């Protein structure tokens, strides 16, 4: 349970950071970032695997790059669900998903 809370807090800080860096991604409160991290985790656990399976041929043809599109769609879906979290357009969602993936990879390399 403790590691879940830590992961949730780290994810919300990453989302807030991405919101500050990328024009088009906006959080109106810290609570919105916490809720967005929680919803993004649920969306990634339930909906993302289904999309990955359904789009496997496209993912194979694009050598895995289509997974970035799926990640961006999950971020857009999260923004549609969470109040006070807004993404204006697909390009900011794509850049945000890429940044979130890279930052999560870097943090996992350090054991966080």
PDB file of N, CA and C in Angstrom:
ATOM      1  N   UNK A   1       0.820  -1.196   0.000  1.00  0.00           N
ATOM      2  CA  UNK A   1       0.000   0.000   0.000  1.00  0.00           C
ATOM      3  C   UNK A   1       0.861   1.257   0.000  1.00  0.00           C
ATOM      4  N   UNK A   2       1.966   1.233   0.719  1.00  0.00           N
ATOM      5  CA  UNK A   2       2.858   2.386   0.780  1.00  0.00           C
ATOM      6  C   UNK A   2       3.498   2.685  -0.558  1.00  0.00           C
ATOM      7  N   UNK A   3       3.885   1.633  -1.287  1.00  0.00           N
ATOM      8  CA  UNK A   3       4.506   1.856  -2.594  1.00  0.00           C
ATOM      9  C   UNK A   3       3.486   2.405  -3.595  1.00  0.00           C
ATOM     10  N   UNK A   4       2.225   2.005  -3.452  1.00  0.00           N
ATOM     11  CA  UNK A   4       1.172   2.534  -4.321  1.00  0.00           C
ATOM     12  C   UNK A   4       1.018   4.031  -4.111  1.00  0.00           C
ATOM     13  N   UNK A   5       1.003   4.460  -2.871  1.00  0.00           N
ATOM     14  CA  UNK A   5       0.842   5.881  -2.561  1.00  0.00           C
ATOM     15  C   UNK A   5       2.044   6.674  -3.065  1.00  0.00           C
ATOM     16  N   UNK A   6       3.233   6.113  -2.889  1.00  0.00           N
ATOM     17  CA  UNK A   6       4.437   6.787  -3.388  1.00  0.00           C
ATOM     18  C   UNK A   6       4.383   6.911  -4.905  1.00  0.00           C
ATOM     19  N   UNK A   7       3.995   5.826  -5.582  1.00  0.00           N
ATOM     20  CA  UNK A   7       3.888   5.863  -7.040  1.00  0.00           C
ATOM     21  C   UNK A   7       2.838   6.877  -7.490  1.00  0.00           C
ATOM     22  N   UNK A   8       1.738   6.952  -6.775  1.00  0.00           N
ATOM     23  CA  UNK A   8       0.685   7.912  -7.093  1.00  0.00           C
ATOM     24  C   UNK A   8       1.194   9.348  -6.941  1.00  0.00           C
ATOM     25  N   UNK A   9       1.916   9.614  -5.861  1.00  0.00           N
ATOM     26  CA  UNK A   9       2.460  10.953  -5.642  1.00  0.00           C
ATOM     27  C   UNK A   9       3.503  11.313  -6.689  1.00  0.00           C
ATOM     28  N   UNK A  10       4.375  10.363  -7.023  1.00  0.00           N
ATOM     29  CA  UNK A  10       5.398  10.611  -8.040  1.00  0.00           C
ATOM     30  C   UNK A  10       4.740  10.860  -9.398  1.00  0.00           C
ATOM     31  N   UNK A  11       3.727  10.086  -9.725  1.00  0.00           N
ATOM     32  CA  UNK A  11       3.025  10.274 -10.998  1.00  0.00           C
ATOM     33  C   UNK A  11       2.342  11.636 -11.049  1.00  0.00           C
ATOM     34  N   UNK A  12       1.757  12.077  -9.939  1.00  0.00           N
ATOM     35  CA  UNK A  12       1.111  13.388  -9.953  1.00  0.00           C
ATOM     36  C   UNK A  12       2.133  14.511 -10.081  1.00  0.00           C
ATOM     37  N   UNK A  13       3.297  14.357  -9.459  1.00  0.00           N
ATOM     38  CA  UNK A  13       4.348  15.368  -9.612  1.00  0.00           C
ATOM     39  C   UNK A  13       4.828  15.408 -11.061  1.00  0.00           C
ATOM     40  N   UNK A  14       4.987  14.233 -11.677  1.00  0.00           N
ATOM     41  CA  UNK A  14       5.388  14.179 -13.083  1.00  0.00           C
ATOM     42  C   UNK A  14       4.341  14.841 -13.970  1.00  0.00           C
ATOM     43  N   UNK A  15       3.075  14.579 -13.707  1.00  0.00           N
ATOM     44  CA  UNK A  15       2.012  15.194 -14.494  1.00  0.00           C
ATOM     45  C   UNK A  15       2.009  16.715 -14.314  1.00  0.00           C
ATOM     46  N   UNK A  16       2.207  17.181 -13.095  1.00  0.00           N
ATOM     47  CA  UNK A  16       2.284  18.631 -12.861  1.00  0.00           C
ATOM     48  C   UNK A  16       3.467  19.240 -13.601  1.00  0.00           C
ATOM     49  N   UNK A  17       4.608  18.558 -13.579  1.00  0.00           N
ATOM     50  CA  UNK A  17       5.796  19.019 -14.290  1.00  0.00           C
ATOM     51  C   UNK A  17       5.522  19.110 -15.791  1.00  0.00           C
ATOM     52  N   UNK A  18       4.905  18.074 -16.332  1.00  0.00           N
ATOM     53  CA  UNK A  18       4.581  18.058 -17.754  1.00  0.00           C
ATOM     54  C   UNK A  18       3.597  19.172 -18.090  1.00  0.00           C
ATOM     55  N   UNK A  19       2.669  19.421 -17.186  1.00  0.00           N
ATOM     56  CA  UNK A  19       1.719  20.511 -17.383  1.00  0.00           C
ATOM     57  C   UNK A  19       2.382  21.880 -17.410  1.00  0.00           C
ATOM     58  N   UNK A  20       3.456  22.026 -16.673  1.00  0.00           N
ATOM     59  CA  UNK A  20       4.192  23.296 -16.673  1.00  0.00           C
ATOM     60  C   UNK A  20       5.060  23.446 -17.916  1.00  0.00           C
ATOM     61  N   UNK A  21       5.591  22.331 -18.402  1.00  0.00           N
ATOM     62  CA  UNK A  21       6.543  22.372 -19.516  1.00  0.00           C
ATOM     63  C   UNK A  21       5.839  22.454 -20.869  1.00  0.00           C
ATOM     64  N   UNK A  22       4.743  21.743 -21.024  1.00  0.00           N
ATOM     65  CA  UNK A  22       4.088  21.642 -22.326  1.00  0.00           C
ATOM     66  C   UNK A  22       2.901  22.596 -22.398  1.00  0.00           C
ATOM     67  N   UNK A  23       2.950  23.441 -23.389  1.00  0.00           N
ATOM     68  CA  UNK A  23       1.842  24.358 -23.635  1.00  0.00           C
ATOM     69  C   UNK A  23       0.675  23.555 -24.203  1.00  0.00           C
ATOM     70  N   UNK A  24      -0.468  23.623 -23.555  1.00  0.00           N
ATOM     71  CA  UNK A  24      -1.635  22.875 -23.999  1.00  0.00           C
ATOM     72  C   UNK A  24      -2.085  21.835 -22.983  1.00  0.00           C
ATOM     73  N   UNK A  25      -1.269  21.591 -21.962  1.00  0.00           N
ATOM     74  CA  UNK A  25      -1.650  20.698 -20.870  1.00  0.00           C
ATOM     75  C   UNK A  25      -1.738  21.550 -19.609  1.00  0.00           C
ATOM     76  N   UNK A  26      -2.894  21.503 -18.950  1.00  0.00           N
ATOM     77  CA  UNK A  26      -3.131  22.425 -17.842  1.00  0.00           C
ATOM     78  C   UNK A  26      -3.833  21.732 -16.673  1.00  0.00           C
ATOM     79  N   UNK A  27      -3.292  21.946 -15.491  1.00  0.00           N
ATOM     80  CA  UNK A  27      -3.923  21.508 -14.242  1.00  0.00           C
ATOM     81  C   UNK A  27      -4.300  22.747 -13.461  1.00  0.00           C
ATOM     82  N   UNK A  28      -5.509  22.756 -12.940  1.00  0.00           N
ATOM     83  CA  UNK A  28      -5.946  23.910 -12.165  1.00  0.00           C
ATOM     84  C   UNK A  28      -5.666  23.753 -10.681  1.00  0.00           C
ATOM     85  N   UNK A  29      -5.330  22.522 -10.251  1.00  0.00           N
ATOM     86  CA  UNK A  29      -5.048  22.314  -8.831  1.00  0.00           C
ATOM     87  C   UNK A  29      -4.193  21.067  -8.647  1.00  0.00           C
ATOM     88  N   UNK A  30      -3.626  20.969  -7.459  1.00  0.00           N
ATOM     89  CA  UNK A  30      -2.848  19.783  -7.107  1.00  0.00           C
ATOM     90  C   UNK A  30      -3.763  18.572  -6.996  1.00  0.00           C
ATOM     91  N   UNK A  31      -4.961  18.784  -6.506  1.00  0.00           N
ATOM     92  CA  UNK A  31      -5.934  17.700  -6.399  1.00  0.00           C
ATOM     93  C   UNK A  31      -6.282  17.116  -7.756  1.00  0.00           C
ATOM     94  N   UNK A  32      -6.348  17.972  -8.768  1.00  0.00           N
ATOM     95  CA  UNK A  32      -6.620  17.487 -10.122  1.00  0.00           C
ATOM     96  C   UNK A  32      -5.478  16.603 -10.610  1.00  0.00           C
ATOM     97  N   UNK A  33      -4.249  16.953 -10.267  1.00  0.00           N
ATOM     98  CA  UNK A  33      -3.102  16.129 -10.659  1.00  0.00           C
ATOM     99  C   UNK A  33      -3.111  14.782  -9.939  1.00  0.00           C
ATOM    100  N   UNK A  34      -3.475  14.791  -8.659  1.00  0.00           N
ATOM    101  CA  UNK A  34      -3.573  13.525  -7.916  1.00  0.00           C
ATOM    102  C   UNK A  34      -4.667  12.632  -8.489  1.00  0.00           C
ATOM    103  N   UNK A  35      -5.814  13.222  -8.766  1.00  0.00           N
ATOM    104  CA  UNK A  35      -6.915  12.456  -9.348  1.00  0.00           C
ATOM    105  C   UNK A  35      -6.547  11.976 -10.753  1.00  0.00           C
ATOM    106  N   UNK A  36      -5.852  12.809 -11.525  1.00  0.00           N
ATOM    107  CA  UNK A  36      -5.433  12.418 -12.877  1.00  0.00           C
ATOM    108  C   UNK A  36      -4.456  11.242 -12.834  1.00  0.00           C
ATOM    109  N   UNK A  37      -3.545  11.248 -11.871  1.00  0.00           N
ATOM    110  CA  UNK A  37      -2.603  10.130 -11.740  1.00  0.00           C
ATOM    111  C   UNK A  37      -3.346   8.841 -11.410  1.00  0.00           C
ATOM    112  N   UNK A  38      -4.335   8.930 -10.535  1.00  0.00           N
ATOM    113  CA  UNK A  38      -5.126   7.755 -10.168  1.00  0.00           C
ATOM    114  C   UNK A  38      -5.947   7.257 -11.358  1.00  0.00           C
ATOM    115  N   UNK A  39      -6.626   8.164 -12.044  1.00  0.00           N
ATOM    116  CA  UNK A  39      -7.455   7.780 -13.193  1.00  0.00           C
ATOM    117  C   UNK A  39      -6.584   7.242 -14.320  1.00  0.00           C
ATOM    118  N   UNK A  40      -5.430   7.857 -14.545  1.00  0.00           N
ATOM    119  CA  UNK A  40      -4.521   7.374 -15.592  1.00  0.00           C
ATOM    120  C   UNK A  40      -4.056   5.956 -15.291  1.00  0.00           C
ATOM    121  N   UNK A  41      -3.794   5.671 -14.033  1.00  0.00           N
ATOM    122  CA  UNK A  41      -3.418   4.301 -13.655  1.00  0.00           C
ATOM    123  C   UNK A  41      -4.530   3.309 -13.931  1.00  0.00           C
ATOM    124  N   UNK A  42      -5.759   3.681 -13.618  1.00  0.00           N
ATOM    125  CA  UNK A  42      -6.898   2.791 -13.865  1.00  0.00           C
ATOM    126  C   UNK A  42      -7.133   2.617 -15.366  1.00  0.00           C
ATOM    127  N   UNK A  43      -7.071   3.722 -16.112  1.00  0.00           N
ATOM    128  CA  UNK A  43      -7.255   3.666 -17.566  1.00  0.00           C
ATOM    129  C   UNK A  43      -6.163   2.798 -18.208  1.00  0.00           C
ATOM    130  N   UNK A  44      -4.926   2.978 -17.754  1.00  0.00           N
ATOM    131  CA  UNK A  44      -3.825   2.177 -18.300  1.00  0.00           C
ATOM    132  C   UNK A  44      -3.946   0.704 -17.924  1.00  0.00           C
ATOM    133  N   UNK A  45      -4.587   0.415 -16.814  1.00  0.00           N
ATOM    134  CA  UNK A  45      -4.736  -0.982 -16.392  1.00  0.00           C
ATOM    135  C   UNK A  45      -5.904  -1.675 -17.090  1.00  0.00           C
ATOM    136  N   UNK A  46      -6.941  -0.935 -17.462  1.00  0.00           N
ATOM    137  CA  UNK A  46      -8.146  -1.562 -18.010  1.00  0.00           C
ATOM    138  C   UNK A  46      -8.266  -1.376 -19.522  1.00  0.00           C
ATOM    139  N   UNK A  47      -8.197  -0.144 -19.982  1.00  0.00           N
ATOM    140  CA  UNK A  47      -8.486   0.142 -21.391  1.00  0.00           C
ATOM    141  C   UNK A  47      -7.259  -0.034 -22.289  1.00  0.00           C
ATOM    142  N   UNK A  48      -6.093   0.385 -21.818  1.00  0.00           N
ATOM    143  CA  UNK A  48      -4.891   0.315 -22.653  1.00  0.00           C
ATOM    144  C   UNK A  48      -4.587  -1.088 -23.153  1.00  0.00           C
ATOM    145  N   UNK A  49      -4.651  -2.134 -22.311  1.00  0.00           N
ATOM    146  CA  UNK A  49      -4.358  -3.485 -22.831  1.00  0.00           C
ATOM    147  C   UNK A  49      -5.304  -3.908 -23.962  1.00  0.00           C
ATOM    148  N   UNK A  50      -6.562  -3.521 -23.859  1.00  0.00           N
ATOM    149  CA  UNK A  50      -7.513  -3.847 -24.921  1.00  0.00           C
ATOM    150  C   UNK A  50      -7.132  -3.151 -26.230  1.00  0.00           C
ATOM    151  N   UNK A  51      -6.756  -1.882 -26.135  1.00  0.00           N
ATOM    152  CA  UNK A  51      -6.343  -1.154 -27.333  1.00  0.00           C
ATOM    153  C   UNK A  51      -5.058  -1.718 -27.929  1.00  0.00           C
ATOM    154  N   UNK A  52      -4.141  -2.123 -27.069  1.00  0.00           N
ATOM    155  CA  UNK A  52      -2.885  -2.697 -27.562  1.00  0.00           C
ATOM    156  C   UNK A  52      -3.163  -3.979 -28.338  1.00  0.00           C
ATOM    157  N   UNK A  53      -4.059  -4.797 -27.832  1.00  0.00           N
ATOM    158  CA  UNK A  53      -4.396  -6.049 -28.530  1.00  0.00           C
ATOM    159  C   UNK A  53      -5.114  -5.750 -29.845  1.00  0.00           C
ATOM    160  N   UNK A  54      -6.079  -4.836 -29.818  1.00  0.00           N
ATOM    161  CA  UNK A  54      -6.843  -4.528 -31.025  1.00  0.00           C
ATOM    162  C   UNK A  54      -6.003  -3.874 -32.120  1.00  0.00           C
ATOM    163  N   UNK A  55      -5.002  -3.108 -31.727  1.00  0.00           N
ATOM    164  CA  UNK A  55      -4.181  -2.396 -32.708  1.00  0.00           C
ATOM    165  C   UNK A  55      -2.831  -3.064 -32.940  1.00  0.00           C
ATOM    166  N   UNK A  56      -2.701  -4.315 -32.562  1.00  0.00           N
ATOM    167  CA  UNK A  56      -1.415  -4.998 -32.701  1.00  0.00           C
ATOM    168  C   UNK A  56      -0.876  -4.972 -34.134  1.00  0.00           C
ATOM    169  N   UNK A  57      -1.694  -5.202 -35.168  1.00  0.00           N
ATOM    170  CA  UNK A  57      -1.129  -5.139 -36.527  1.00  0.00           C
ATOM    171  C   UNK A  57      -0.525  -3.772 -36.872  1.00  0.00           C
ATOM    172  N   UNK A  58      -1.207  -2.704 -36.474  1.00  0.00           N
ATOM    173  CA  UNK A  58      -0.675  -1.358 -36.738  1.00  0.00           C
ATOM    174  C   UNK A  58       0.608  -1.141 -35.946  1.00  0.00           C
ATOM    175  N   UNK A  59       0.626  -1.593 -34.703  1.00  0.00           N
ATOM    176  CA  UNK A  59       1.810  -1.462 -33.863  1.00  0.00           C
ATOM    177  C   UNK A  59       2.980  -2.227 -34.470  1.00  0.00           C
ATOM    178  N   UNK A  60       2.703  -3.394 -35.003  1.00  0.00           N
ATOM    179  CA  UNK A  60       3.747  -4.197 -35.631  1.00  0.00           C
ATOM    180  C   UNK A  60       4.302  -3.510 -36.874  1.00  0.00           C
ATOM    181  N   UNK A  61       3.423  -2.971 -37.692  1.00  0.00           N
ATOM    182  CA  UNK A  61       3.845  -2.292 -38.924  1.00  0.00           C
ATOM    183  C   UNK A  61       4.676  -1.044 -38.610  1.00  0.00           C
ATOM    184  N   UNK A  62       4.299  -0.323 -37.558  1.00  0.00           N
ATOM    185  CA  UNK A  62       5.010   0.910 -37.197  1.00  0.00           C
ATOM    186  C   UNK A  62       6.176   0.653 -36.245  1.00  0.00           C
ATOM    187  N   UNK A  63       6.505  -0.611 -36.049  1.00  0.00           N
ATOM    188  CA  UNK A  63       7.614  -1.009 -35.169  1.00  0.00           C
ATOM    189  C   UNK A  63       7.452  -0.477 -33.745  1.00  0.00           C
ATOM    190  N   UNK A  64       6.223  -0.448 -33.273  1.00  0.00           N
ATOM    191  CA  UNK A  64       5.940  -0.068 -31.897  1.00  0.00           C
ATOM    192  C   UNK A  64       5.645   1.400 -31.682  1.00  0.00           C
ATOM    193  N   UNK A  65       5.833   2.228 -32.697  1.00  0.00           N
ATOM    194  CA  UNK A  65       5.595   3.660 -32.512  1.00  0.00           C
ATOM    195  C   UNK A  65       4.136   3.994 -32.277  1.00  0.00           C
ATOM    196  N   UNK A  66       3.242   3.133 -32.725  1.00  0.00           N
ATOM    197  CA  UNK A  66       1.817   3.384 -32.503  1.00  0.00           C
ATOM    198  C   UNK A  66       1.464   3.334 -31.017  1.00  0.00           C
ATOM    199  N   UNK A  67       2.298   2.707 -30.210  1.00  0.00           N
ATOM    200  CA  UNK A  67       2.054   2.693 -28.762  1.00  0.00           C
ATOM    201  C   UNK A  67       2.079   4.105 -28.176  1.00  0.00           C
ATOM    202  N   UNK A  68       2.861   5.001 -28.790  1.00  0.00           N
ATOM    203  CA  UNK A  68       2.852   6.399 -28.343  1.00  0.00           C
ATOM    204  C   UNK A  68       1.490   7.038 -28.588  1.00  0.00           C
ATOM    205  N   UNK A  69       0.867   6.683 -29.700  1.00  0.00           N
ATOM    206  CA  UNK A  69      -0.477   7.191 -29.995  1.00  0.00           C
ATOM    207  C   UNK A  69      -1.469   6.661 -28.958  1.00  0.00           C
ATOM    208  N   UNK A  70      -1.345   5.388 -28.620  1.00  0.00           N
ATOM    209  CA  UNK A  70      -2.224   4.806 -27.604  1.00  0.00           C
ATOM    210  C   UNK A  70      -2.016   5.500 -26.259  1.00  0.00           C
ATOM    211  N   UNK A  71      -0.756   5.751 -25.889  1.00  0.00           N
ATOM    212  CA  UNK A  71      -0.482   6.457 -24.633  1.00  0.00           C
ATOM    213  C   UNK A  71      -1.079   7.861 -24.648  1.00  0.00           C
ATOM    214  N   UNK A  72      -0.989   8.540 -25.789  1.00  0.00           N
ATOM    215  CA  UNK A  72      -1.574   9.880 -25.901  1.00  0.00           C
ATOM    216  C   UNK A  72      -3.098   9.817 -25.766  1.00  0.00           C
ATOM    217  N   UNK A  73      -3.710   8.797 -26.362  1.00  0.00           N
ATOM    218  CA  UNK A  73      -5.157   8.633 -26.235  1.00  0.00           C
ATOM    219  C   UNK A  73      -5.565   8.368 -24.788  1.00  0.00           C
ATOM    220  N   UNK A  74      -4.762   7.608 -24.054  1.00  0.00           N
ATOM    221  CA  UNK A  74      -5.064   7.350 -22.646  1.00  0.00           C
ATOM    222  C   UNK A  74      -4.955   8.634 -21.834  1.00  0.00           C
ATOM    223  N   UNK A  75      -3.987   9.480 -22.175  1.00  0.00           N
ATOM    224  CA  UNK A  75      -3.843  10.765 -21.487  1.00  0.00           C
ATOM    225  C   UNK A  75      -5.022  11.681 -21.815  1.00  0.00           C
ATOM    226  N   UNK A  76      -5.454  11.695 -23.082  1.00  0.00           N
ATOM    227  CA  UNK A  76      -6.623  12.491 -23.467  1.00  0.00           C
ATOM    228  C   UNK A  76      -7.889  11.985 -22.772  1.00  0.00           C
ATOM    229  N   UNK A  77      -8.046  10.668 -22.677  1.00  0.00           N
ATOM    230  CA  UNK A  77      -9.197  10.095 -21.992  1.00  0.00           C
ATOM    231  C   UNK A  77      -9.196  10.494 -20.522  1.00  0.00           C
ATOM    232  N   UNK A  78      -8.038  10.468 -19.910  1.00  0.00           N
ATOM    233  CA  UNK A  78      -7.913  10.881 -18.511  1.00  0.00           C
ATOM    234  C   UNK A  78      -8.322  12.340 -18.359  1.00  0.00           C
ATOM    235  N   UNK A  79      -7.888  13.184 -19.286  1.00  0.00           N
ATOM    236  CA  UNK A  79      -8.252  14.605 -19.221  1.00  0.00           C
ATOM    237  C   UNK A  79      -9.747  14.803 -19.419  1.00  0.00           C
ATOM    238  N   UNK A  80     -10.371  13.930 -20.197  1.00  0.00           N
ATOM    239  CA  UNK A  80     -11.819  14.032 -20.404  1.00  0.00           C
ATOM    240  C   UNK A  80     -12.589  13.623 -19.151  1.00  0.00           C
ATOM    241  N   UNK A  81     -12.012  12.749 -18.352  1.00  0.00           N
ATOM    242  CA  UNK A  81     -12.688  12.253 -17.156  1.00  0.00           C
ATOM    243  C   UNK A  81     -12.464  13.166 -15.952  1.00  0.00           C
ATOM    244  N   UNK A  82     -11.235  13.655 -15.804  1.00  0.00           N
ATOM    245  CA  UNK A  82     -10.854  14.403 -14.596  1.00  0.00           C
ATOM    246  C   UNK A  82     -11.195  15.884 -14.752  1.00  0.00           C
ATOM    247  N   UNK A  83     -11.985  16.431 -13.820  1.00  0.00           N
ATOM    248  CA  UNK A  83     -12.238  17.871 -13.872  1.00  0.00           C
ATOM    249  C   UNK A  83     -10.967  18.658 -13.524  1.00  0.00           C
ATOM    250  N   UNK A  84     -10.857  19.847 -14.062  1.00  0.00           N
ATOM    251  CA  UNK A  84      -9.710  20.737 -13.827  1.00  0.00           C
ATOM    252  C   UNK A  84      -8.405  20.222 -14.424  1.00  0.00           C
ATOM    253  N   UNK A  85      -8.499  19.303 -15.363  1.00  0.00           N
ATOM    254  CA  UNK A  85      -7.346  18.817 -16.117  1.00  0.00           C
ATOM    255  C   UNK A  85      -7.733  18.903 -17.582  1.00  0.00           C
ATOM    256  N   UNK A  86      -6.943  19.652 -18.341  1.00  0.00           N
ATOM    257  CA  UNK A  86      -7.320  19.923 -19.717  1.00  0.00           C
ATOM    258  C   UNK A  86      -6.120  19.733 -20.637  1.00  0.00           C
ATOM    259  N   UNK A  87      -6.357  19.088 -21.776  1.00  0.00           N
ATOM    260  CA  UNK A  87      -5.360  18.963 -22.832  1.00  0.00           C
ATOM    261  C   UNK A  87      -5.978  19.539 -24.087  1.00  0.00           C
ATOM    262  N   UNK A  88      -5.314  20.518 -24.646  1.00  0.00           N
ATOM    263  CA  UNK A  88      -5.837  21.199 -25.840  1.00  0.00           C
ATOM    264  C   UNK A  88      -5.157  20.645 -27.086  1.00  0.00           C
ATOM    265  N   UNK A  89      -5.750  19.616 -27.659  1.00  0.00           N
ATOM    266  CA  UNK A  89      -5.234  19.063 -28.897  1.00  0.00           C
ATOM    267  C   UNK A  89      -4.507  17.749 -28.716  1.00  0.00           C
ATOM    268  N   UNK A  90      -4.280  17.094 -29.858  1.00  0.00           N
ATOM    269  CA  UNK A  90      -3.627  15.787 -29.817  1.00  0.00           C
ATOM    270  C   UNK A  90      -2.111  15.906 -29.687  1.00  0.00           C
ATOM    271  N   UNK A  91      -1.525  16.932 -30.286  1.00  0.00           N
ATOM    272  CA  UNK A  91      -0.061  17.074 -30.247  1.00  0.00           C
ATOM    273  C   UNK A  91       0.444  17.267 -28.820  1.00  0.00           C
ATOM    274  N   UNK A  92      -0.161  18.147 -28.003  1.00  0.00           N
ATOM    275  CA  UNK A  92       0.291  18.221 -26.614  1.00  0.00           C
ATOM    276  C   UNK A  92       0.125  16.890 -25.867  1.00  0.00           C
ATOM    277  N   UNK A  93      -0.939  16.146 -26.183  1.00  0.00           N
ATOM    278  CA  UNK A  93      -1.127  14.839 -25.545  1.00  0.00           C
ATOM    279  C   UNK A  93      -0.030  13.875 -25.969  1.00  0.00           C
ATOM    280  N   UNK A  94       0.352  13.911 -27.231  1.00  0.00           N
ATOM    281  CA  UNK A  94       1.407  13.026 -27.729  1.00  0.00           C
ATOM    282  C   UNK A  94       2.747  13.371 -27.094  1.00  0.00           C
ATOM    283  N   UNK A  95       3.072  14.652 -27.037  1.00  0.00           N
ATOM    284  CA  UNK A  95       4.331  15.075 -26.415  1.00  0.00           C
ATOM    285  C   UNK A  95       4.305  14.777 -24.918  1.00  0.00           C
ATOM    286  N   UNK A  96       3.170  15.013 -24.279  1.00  0.00           N
ATOM    287  CA  UNK A  96       3.044  14.718 -22.848  1.00  0.00           C
ATOM    288  C   UNK A  96       3.183  13.231 -22.560  1.00  0.00           C
ATOM    289  N   UNK A  97       2.585  12.388 -23.400  1.00  0.00           N
ATOM    290  CA  UNK A  97       2.697  10.943 -23.210  1.00  0.00           C
ATOM    291  C   UNK A  97       4.138  10.485 -23.396  1.00  0.00           C
ATOM    292  N   UNK A  98       4.819  11.067 -24.374  1.00  0.00           N
ATOM    293  CA  UNK A  98       6.225  10.722 -24.603  1.00  0.00           C
ATOM    294  C   UNK A  98       7.080  11.143 -23.410  1.00  0.00           C
ATOM    295  N   UNK A  99       6.857  12.364 -22.928  1.00  0.00           N
ATOM    296  CA  UNK A  99       7.613  12.834 -21.758  1.00  0.00           C
ATOM    297  C   UNK A  99       7.317  11.987 -20.529  1.00  0.00           C
ATOM    298  N   UNK A 100       6.062  11.646 -20.317  1.00  0.00           N
ATOM    299  CA  UNK A 100       5.689  10.835 -19.161  1.00  0.00           C
ATOM    300  C   UNK A 100       6.345   9.462 -19.232  1.00  0.00           C
ATOM    301  N   UNK A 101       6.377   8.879 -20.411  1.00  0.00           N
ATOM    302  CA  UNK A 101       7.019   7.572 -20.581  1.00  0.00           C
ATOM    303  C   UNK A 101       8.515   7.647 -20.290  1.00  0.00           C
ATOM    304  N   UNK A 102       9.169   8.669 -20.828  1.00  0.00           N
ATOM    305  CA  UNK A 102      10.615   8.814 -20.624  1.00  0.00           C
ATOM    306  C   UNK A 102      10.928   9.080 -19.157  1.00  0.00           C
ATOM    307  N   UNK A 103      10.168   9.970 -18.530  1.00  0.00           N
ATOM    308  CA  UNK A 103      10.419  10.284 -17.121  1.00  0.00           C
ATOM    309  C   UNK A 103      10.151   9.076 -16.224  1.00  0.00           C
ATOM    310  N   UNK A 104       9.094   8.324 -16.512  1.00  0.00           N
ATOM    311  CA  UNK A 104       8.839   7.100 -15.739  1.00  0.00           C
ATOM    312  C   UNK A 104       9.956   6.087 -15.929  1.00  0.00           C
ATOM    313  N   UNK A 105      10.481   5.991 -17.142  1.00  0.00           N
ATOM    314  CA  UNK A 105      11.600   5.082 -17.403  1.00  0.00           C
ATOM    315  C   UNK A 105      12.826   5.505 -16.616  1.00  0.00           C
ATOM    316  N   UNK A 106      13.127   6.783 -16.635  1.00  0.00           N
ATOM    317  CA  UNK A 106      14.289   7.289 -15.880  1.00  0.00           C
ATOM    318  C   UNK A 106      14.141   7.054 -14.391  1.00  0.00           C
ATOM    319  N   UNK A 107      12.938   7.309 -13.857  1.00  0.00           N
ATOM    320  CA  UNK A 107      12.721   7.098 -12.427  1.00  0.00           C
ATOM    321  C   UNK A 107      12.780   5.613 -12.065  1.00  0.00           C
ATOM    322  N   UNK A 108      12.296   4.747 -12.945  1.00  0.00           N
ATOM    323  CA  UNK A 108      12.361   3.314 -12.649  1.00  0.00           C
ATOM    324  C   UNK A 108      13.804   2.806 -12.683  1.00  0.00           C
ATOM    325  N   UNK A 109      14.657   3.461 -13.465  1.00  0.00           N
ATOM    326  CA  UNK A 109      16.073   3.086 -13.472  1.00  0.00           C
ATOM    327  C   UNK A 109      16.734   3.384 -12.126  1.00  0.00           C
ATOM    328  N   UNK A 110      16.213   4.391 -11.438  1.00  0.00           N
ATOM    329  CA  UNK A 110      16.736   4.765 -10.123  1.00  0.00           C
ATOM    330  C   UNK A 110      15.977   4.082  -8.989  1.00  0.00           C
ATOM    331  N   UNK A 111      15.039   3.214  -9.333  1.00  0.00           N
ATOM    332  CA  UNK A 111      14.310   2.451  -8.327  1.00  0.00           C
ATOM    333  C   UNK A 111      13.167   3.204  -7.681  1.00  0.00           C
ATOM    334  N   UNK A 112      12.696   4.239  -8.301  1.00  0.00           N
ATOM    335  CA  UNK A 112      11.596   5.039  -7.726  1.00  0.00           C
ATOM    336  C   UNK A 112      10.298   4.638  -8.396  1.00  0.00           C
TER     337      UNK A 112
END
